C-alpha atoms as a PDB file:
ATOM      1  CA  MET A   1      86.290 169.430  88.762  1.00  0.00           C
ATOM      2  CA  THR A   2      88.847 167.605  86.589  1.00  0.00           C
ATOM      3  CA  ILE A   3      91.252 170.550  86.666  1.00  0.00           C
ATOM      4  CA  ILE A   4      91.256 170.478  90.442  1.00  0.00           C
ATOM      5  CA  SER A   5      91.895 166.742  90.527  1.00  0.00           C
ATOM      6  CA  LEU A   6      94.795 167.108  88.084  1.00  0.00           C
ATOM      7  CA  MET A   7      96.385 169.820  90.197  1.00  0.00           C
ATOM      8  CA  GLN A   8      96.231 167.909  93.483  1.00  0.00           C
ATOM      9  CA  LYS A   9      99.530 166.581  94.720  1.00  0.00           C
ATOM     10  CA  VAL A  10      99.582 163.082  96.125  1.00  0.00           C
ATOM     11  CA  ASP A  11     102.234 162.251  98.690  1.00  0.00           C
ATOM     12  CA  ILE A  12     102.888 158.566  98.064  1.00  0.00           C
ATOM     13  CA  ALA A  13     105.355 158.239 100.935  1.00  0.00           C
ATOM     14  CA  GLU A  14     102.732 159.466 103.406  1.00  0.00           C
ATOM     15  CA  LYS A  15     100.085 157.112 102.003  1.00  0.00           C
ATOM     16  CA  ILE A  16     102.436 154.139 102.319  1.00  0.00           C
ATOM     17  CA  LYS A  17     103.369 155.149 105.874  1.00  0.00           C
ATOM     18  CA  ASP A  18      99.686 155.292 106.875  1.00  0.00           C
ATOM     19  CA  ALA A  19      98.780 152.107 104.993  1.00  0.00           C
ATOM     20  CA  PRO A  20      96.701 149.562 106.916  1.00  0.00           C
ATOM     21  CA  ASP A  21      98.447 146.538 105.366  1.00  0.00           C
ATOM     22  CA  ARG A  22     100.950 145.485 102.699  1.00  0.00           C
ATOM     23  CA  GLY A  23      98.270 144.967 100.039  1.00  0.00           C
ATOM     24  CA  TYR A  24      97.329 148.623 100.251  1.00  0.00           C
ATOM     25  CA  GLN A  25     100.971 149.632  99.816  1.00  0.00           C
ATOM     26  CA  ILE A  26     101.274 147.556  96.653  1.00  0.00           C
ATOM     27  CA  GLY A  27      98.065 149.095  95.323  1.00  0.00           C
ATOM     28  CA  VAL A  28      99.352 152.620  95.911  1.00  0.00           C
ATOM     29  CA  VAL A  29     102.598 151.871  94.086  1.00  0.00           C
ATOM     30  CA  ILE A  30     100.831 150.233  91.140  1.00  0.00           C
ATOM     31  CA  GLY A  31      98.266 153.023  90.996  1.00  0.00           C
ATOM     32  CA  SER A  32     100.992 155.642  90.847  1.00  0.00           C
ATOM     33  CA  PHE A  33     102.590 153.970  87.810  1.00  0.00           C
ATOM     34  CA  ILE A  34      99.403 153.369  85.787  1.00  0.00           C
ATOM     35  CA  PRO A  35      99.182 156.920  84.331  1.00  0.00           C
ATOM     36  CA  PHE A  36     102.761 156.670  83.076  1.00  0.00           C
ATOM     37  CA  LEU A  37     102.116 153.277  81.507  1.00  0.00           C
ATOM     38  CA  VAL A  38      99.002 154.577  79.755  1.00  0.00           C
ATOM     39  CA  LEU A  39     100.863 157.617  78.411  1.00  0.00           C
ATOM     40  CA  GLY A  40     103.735 155.376  77.281  1.00  0.00           C
ATOM     41  CA  GLY A  41     101.288 153.087  75.475  1.00  0.00           C
ATOM     42  CA  ILE A  42      99.677 156.033  73.700  1.00  0.00           C
ATOM     43  CA  ALA A  43     103.096 157.368  72.702  1.00  0.00           C
ATOM     44  CA  LEU A  44     104.125 153.958  71.346  1.00  0.00           C
ATOM     45  CA  TRP A  45     100.874 153.656  69.400  1.00  0.00           C
ATOM     46  CA  MET A  46     101.365 157.136  67.889  1.00  0.00           C
ATOM     47  CA  TYR A  47     104.976 156.313  66.980  1.00  0.00           C
ATOM     48  CA  THR A  48     104.126 153.063  65.208  1.00  0.00           C
ATOM     49  CA  ARG A  49     101.239 154.720  63.391  1.00  0.00           C
ATOM     50  CA  ALA A  50     103.500 157.550  62.175  1.00  0.00           C
ATOM     51  CA  LYS A  51     106.175 155.050  61.167  1.00  0.00           C
ATOM     52  CA  LYS A  52     103.671 153.057  59.074  1.00  0.00           C
ATOM     53  CA  ARG A  53     102.425 156.267  57.473  1.00  0.00           C
ATOM     54  CA  ALA A  54     105.977 157.326  56.557  1.00  0.00           C
ATOM     55  CA  LYS A  55     106.706 153.858  55.158  1.00  0.00           C
ATOM     56  CA  ASN A  56     103.641 153.990  52.905  1.00  0.00           C
ATOM     57  CA  GLY A  57     104.580 157.463  51.643  1.00  0.00           C
ATOM     58  CA  ASN A  58     101.482 159.271  52.868  1.00  0.00           C
END
């Protein structure tokens, strides 16, 4: 089930065109950026953790 959901392509332009109101459009845009923000946060956390480890000599 999760593999199928990861492989689905979402056409954001079509969703915005068919949006019932402006609030929905904003939600679609924000929702499309959330995965990238989460991945960026994880990458930053891993970087700072590795930097601290290198500083301590471990």
